[in-house]
Amino acid sequence: MSAPILSPAIPQLSSGNLQRTADFYRDCLGFTEFKLFPEGGYLIARRETVEIHFWLAGSEEEAKRYGSASGCYIRVRNIGPLYEELRRRGAPFRYGLTRQPWGMREMQVDDPFGNAIRFGEALEA
């Protein structure tokens, strides 16, 4: 019997409006592939190897309640150019590039429903 092989985790975040979510991830974060399943209340967004899933909450207010306690962490190589790209796109940063005591250089964008999307790159040792 072969040992199991795990793939990268895929976050599932709340949305109060799937089209608004898709527009935000396309326009502000540069995601390029979307699969919208309106009958199931589900959206899949991709950029390169990153994939995030969204489920439709009962209302925008409900999505924001869940979003205020939700997020995902995306590891990046060469985070500086990504930061500049997201700035040009008008991404709403909670904070820009910051050196963290845990050995990462990070930035965070909050989506329209409060989900924290944090990007991080390991600092050189």
C-alpha atoms as a PDB file:
ATOM      1  CA  MET A   1       0.000   0.000   0.000  1.00  0.00           C
ATOM      2  CA  SER A   2       1.352   3.417  -0.954  1.00  0.00           C
ATOM      3  CA  ALA A   3       1.725   6.240   1.528  1.00  0.00           C
ATOM      4  CA  PRO A   4      -0.693   9.143   1.125  1.00  0.00           C
ATOM      5  CA  ILE A   5       0.587  12.258  -0.626  1.00  0.00           C
ATOM      6  CA  LEU A   6      -0.875  15.554   0.521  1.00  0.00           C
ATOM      7  CA  SER A   7      -1.317  18.494  -1.858  1.00  0.00           C
ATOM      8  CA  PRO A   8      -1.377  22.166  -0.866  1.00  0.00           C
ATOM      9  CA  ALA A   9      -4.352  23.189   1.248  1.00  0.00           C
ATOM     10  CA  ILE A  10      -7.102  25.222  -0.414  1.00  0.00           C
ATOM     11  CA  PRO A  11      -8.847  27.812   1.768  1.00  0.00           C
ATOM     12  CA  GLN A  12     -12.632  28.115   1.633  1.00  0.00           C
ATOM     13  CA  LEU A  13     -13.727  31.655   2.431  1.00  0.00           C
ATOM     14  CA  SER A  14     -17.091  33.359   2.699  1.00  0.00           C
ATOM     15  CA  SER A  15     -18.528  35.721   0.114  1.00  0.00           C
ATOM     16  CA  GLY A  16     -21.605  37.911   0.247  1.00  0.00           C
ATOM     17  CA  ASN A  17     -21.658  38.243  -3.552  1.00  0.00           C
ATOM     18  CA  LEU A  18     -19.736  35.820  -5.756  1.00  0.00           C
ATOM     19  CA  GLN A  19     -19.472  38.142  -8.772  1.00  0.00           C
ATOM     20  CA  ARG A  20     -18.190  41.004  -6.594  1.00  0.00           C
ATOM     21  CA  THR A  21     -15.659  38.586  -5.110  1.00  0.00           C
ATOM     22  CA  ALA A  22     -14.500  37.441  -8.565  1.00  0.00           C
ATOM     23  CA  ASP A  23     -14.199  41.053  -9.744  1.00  0.00           C
ATOM     24  CA  PHE A  24     -12.105  41.982  -6.680  1.00  0.00           C
ATOM     25  CA  TYR A  25      -9.735  39.029  -7.006  1.00  0.00           C
ATOM     26  CA  ARG A  26      -9.312  39.732 -10.742  1.00  0.00           C
ATOM     27  CA  ASP A  27      -8.932  43.520 -10.541  1.00  0.00           C
ATOM     28  CA  CYS A  28      -7.066  43.958  -7.241  1.00  0.00           C
ATOM     29  CA  LEU A  29      -5.147  40.694  -6.805  1.00  0.00           C
ATOM     30  CA  GLY A  30      -4.531  39.603 -10.404  1.00  0.00           C
ATOM     31  CA  PHE A  31      -6.309  36.254 -10.313  1.00  0.00           C
ATOM     32  CA  THR A  32      -6.927  35.057 -13.862  1.00  0.00           C
ATOM     33  CA  GLU A  33      -9.101  31.931 -13.764  1.00  0.00           C
ATOM     34  CA  PHE A  34     -12.594  31.698 -12.316  1.00  0.00           C
ATOM     35  CA  LYS A  35     -15.238  29.000 -12.169  1.00  0.00           C
ATOM     36  CA  LEU A  36     -18.576  30.264 -10.918  1.00  0.00           C
ATOM     37  CA  PHE A  37     -21.267  27.813  -9.850  1.00  0.00           C
ATOM     38  CA  PRO A  38     -24.265  30.093  -9.146  1.00  0.00           C
ATOM     39  CA  GLU A  39     -26.682  27.201  -8.587  1.00  0.00           C
ATOM     40  CA  GLY A  40     -24.415  25.851  -5.843  1.00  0.00           C
ATOM     41  CA  GLY A  41     -23.342  29.226  -4.465  1.00  0.00           C
ATOM     42  CA  TYR A  42     -19.661  28.524  -5.096  1.00  0.00           C
ATOM     43  CA  LEU A  43     -16.691  30.202  -6.775  1.00  0.00           C
ATOM     44  CA  ILE A  44     -13.181  28.926  -7.489  1.00  0.00           C
ATOM     45  CA  ALA A  45     -10.473  31.533  -8.173  1.00  0.00           C
ATOM     46  CA  ARG A  46      -6.932  30.795  -9.384  1.00  0.00           C
ATOM     47  CA  ARG A  47      -3.713  32.666  -9.974  1.00  0.00           C
ATOM     48  CA  GLU A  48      -0.751  30.536 -11.028  1.00  0.00           C
ATOM     49  CA  THR A  49      -0.636  27.673  -8.492  1.00  0.00           C
ATOM     50  CA  VAL A  50      -2.825  29.424  -5.893  1.00  0.00           C
ATOM     51  CA  GLU A  51      -6.462  28.397  -5.642  1.00  0.00           C
ATOM     52  CA  ILE A  52      -9.065  29.847  -3.277  1.00  0.00           C
ATOM     53  CA  HIS A  53     -12.666  28.647  -2.967  1.00  0.00           C
ATOM     54  CA  PHE A  54     -15.578  30.849  -1.886  1.00  0.00           C
ATOM     55  CA  TRP A  55     -18.996  29.857  -0.602  1.00  0.00           C
ATOM     56  CA  LEU A  56     -21.981  32.166  -0.707  1.00  0.00           C
ATOM     57  CA  ALA A  57     -23.151  33.258   2.728  1.00  0.00           C
ATOM     58  CA  GLY A  58     -26.795  34.070   3.431  1.00  0.00           C
ATOM     59  CA  SER A  59     -26.129  37.821   3.239  1.00  0.00           C
ATOM     60  CA  GLU A  60     -23.289  40.310   2.887  1.00  0.00           C
ATOM     61  CA  GLU A  61     -23.467  40.969   6.638  1.00  0.00           C
ATOM     62  CA  GLU A  62     -23.127  37.256   7.400  1.00  0.00           C
ATOM     63  CA  ALA A  63     -20.178  36.983   4.981  1.00  0.00           C
ATOM     64  CA  LYS A  64     -18.478  39.895   6.758  1.00  0.00           C
ATOM     65  CA  ARG A  65     -18.990  38.262  10.158  1.00  0.00           C
ATOM     66  CA  TYR A  66     -17.296  35.087   8.929  1.00  0.00           C
ATOM     67  CA  GLY A  67     -14.726  37.057   6.931  1.00  0.00           C
ATOM     68  CA  SER A  68     -13.652  39.076   9.957  1.00  0.00           C
ATOM     69  CA  ALA A  69     -12.317  35.823  11.435  1.00  0.00           C
ATOM     70  CA  SER A  70     -11.106  34.173   8.211  1.00  0.00           C
ATOM     71  CA  GLY A  71      -8.162  34.380   5.904  1.00  0.00           C
ATOM     72  CA  CYS A  72      -5.424  32.580   4.100  1.00  0.00           C
ATOM     73  CA  TYR A  73      -1.657  32.767   3.820  1.00  0.00           C
ATOM     74  CA  ILE A  74       0.043  32.648   0.427  1.00  0.00           C
ATOM     75  CA  ARG A  75       3.790  32.068   0.296  1.00  0.00           C
ATOM     76  CA  VAL A  76       5.594  34.090  -2.372  1.00  0.00           C
ATOM     77  CA  ARG A  77       9.051  34.229  -3.920  1.00  0.00           C
ATOM     78  CA  ASN A  78      10.121  37.765  -4.920  1.00  0.00           C
ATOM     79  CA  ILE A  79       7.390  39.511  -2.963  1.00  0.00           C
ATOM     80  CA  GLY A  80       8.591  43.037  -3.832  1.00  0.00           C
ATOM     81  CA  PRO A  81       7.333  42.980  -7.438  1.00  0.00           C
ATOM     82  CA  LEU A  82       4.015  41.491  -6.287  1.00  0.00           C
ATOM     83  CA  TYR A  83       3.628  44.304  -3.759  1.00  0.00           C
ATOM     84  CA  GLU A  84       4.217  46.880  -6.509  1.00  0.00           C
ATOM     85  CA  GLU A  85       1.724  45.128  -8.799  1.00  0.00           C
ATOM     86  CA  LEU A  86      -0.968  45.073  -6.125  1.00  0.00           C
ATOM     87  CA  ARG A  87      -0.323  48.747  -5.302  1.00  0.00           C
ATOM     88  CA  ARG A  88      -0.782  49.644  -9.000  1.00  0.00           C
ATOM     89  CA  ARG A  89      -4.010  47.649  -9.040  1.00  0.00           C
ATOM     90  CA  GLY A  90      -5.309  49.641  -6.057  1.00  0.00           C
ATOM     91  CA  ALA A  91      -5.468  46.731  -3.624  1.00  0.00           C
ATOM     92  CA  PRO A  92      -6.730  47.840  -0.195  1.00  0.00           C
ATOM     93  CA  PHE A  93      -3.801  46.937   2.061  1.00  0.00           C
ATOM     94  CA  ARG A  94      -4.326  46.450   5.758  1.00  0.00           C
ATOM     95  CA  TYR A  95      -0.550  46.793   5.878  1.00  0.00           C
ATOM     96  CA  GLY A  96       2.205  46.928   3.280  1.00  0.00           C
ATOM     97  CA  LEU A  97       5.480  45.005   3.238  1.00  0.00           C
ATOM     98  CA  THR A  98       6.571  44.460   6.816  1.00  0.00           C
ATOM     99  CA  ARG A  99       9.418  42.449   8.339  1.00  0.00           C
ATOM    100  CA  GLN A 100       7.925  40.134  10.932  1.00  0.00           C
ATOM    101  CA  PRO A 101       9.766  38.721  13.970  1.00  0.00           C
ATOM    102  CA  TRP A 102       8.899  35.189  12.819  1.00  0.00           C
ATOM    103  CA  GLY A 103      11.242  35.512   9.848  1.00  0.00           C
ATOM    104  CA  MET A 104       8.824  36.582   7.130  1.00  0.00           C
ATOM    105  CA  ARG A 105       8.331  39.668   5.003  1.00  0.00           C
ATOM    106  CA  GLU A 106       4.568  40.066   4.691  1.00  0.00           C
ATOM    107  CA  MET A 107       1.711  42.208   3.427  1.00  0.00           C
ATOM    108  CA  GLN A 108      -2.025  41.855   3.887  1.00  0.00           C
ATOM    109  CA  VAL A 109      -5.056  42.768   1.796  1.00  0.00           C
ATOM    110  CA  ASP A 110      -8.612  42.398   3.062  1.00  0.00           C
ATOM    111  CA  ASP A 111     -11.213  41.441   0.485  1.00  0.00           C
ATOM    112  CA  PRO A 112     -14.665  43.091   0.336  1.00  0.00           C
ATOM    113  CA  PHE A 113     -16.043  40.654   2.913  1.00  0.00           C
ATOM    114  CA  GLY A 114     -13.165  41.002   5.381  1.00  0.00           C
ATOM    115  CA  ASN A 115     -11.214  37.843   4.538  1.00  0.00           C
ATOM    116  CA  ALA A 116      -7.542  38.491   5.286  1.00  0.00           C
ATOM    117  CA  ILE A 117      -5.323  37.569   2.347  1.00  0.00           C
ATOM    118  CA  ARG A 118      -1.744  37.584   3.622  1.00  0.00           C
ATOM    119  CA  PHE A 119       1.266  37.161   1.335  1.00  0.00           C
ATOM    120  CA  GLY A 120       4.635  36.246   2.823  1.00  0.00           C
ATOM    121  CA  GLU A 121       8.199  35.510   1.825  1.00  0.00           C
ATOM    122  CA  ALA A 122      10.839  33.986   4.105  1.00  0.00           C
ATOM    123  CA  LEU A 123      13.636  36.373   4.997  1.00  0.00           C
ATOM    124  CA  GLU A 124      17.155  35.351   4.037  1.00  0.00           C
ATOM    125  CA  ALA A 125      18.878  33.619   6.945  1.00  0.00           C
END
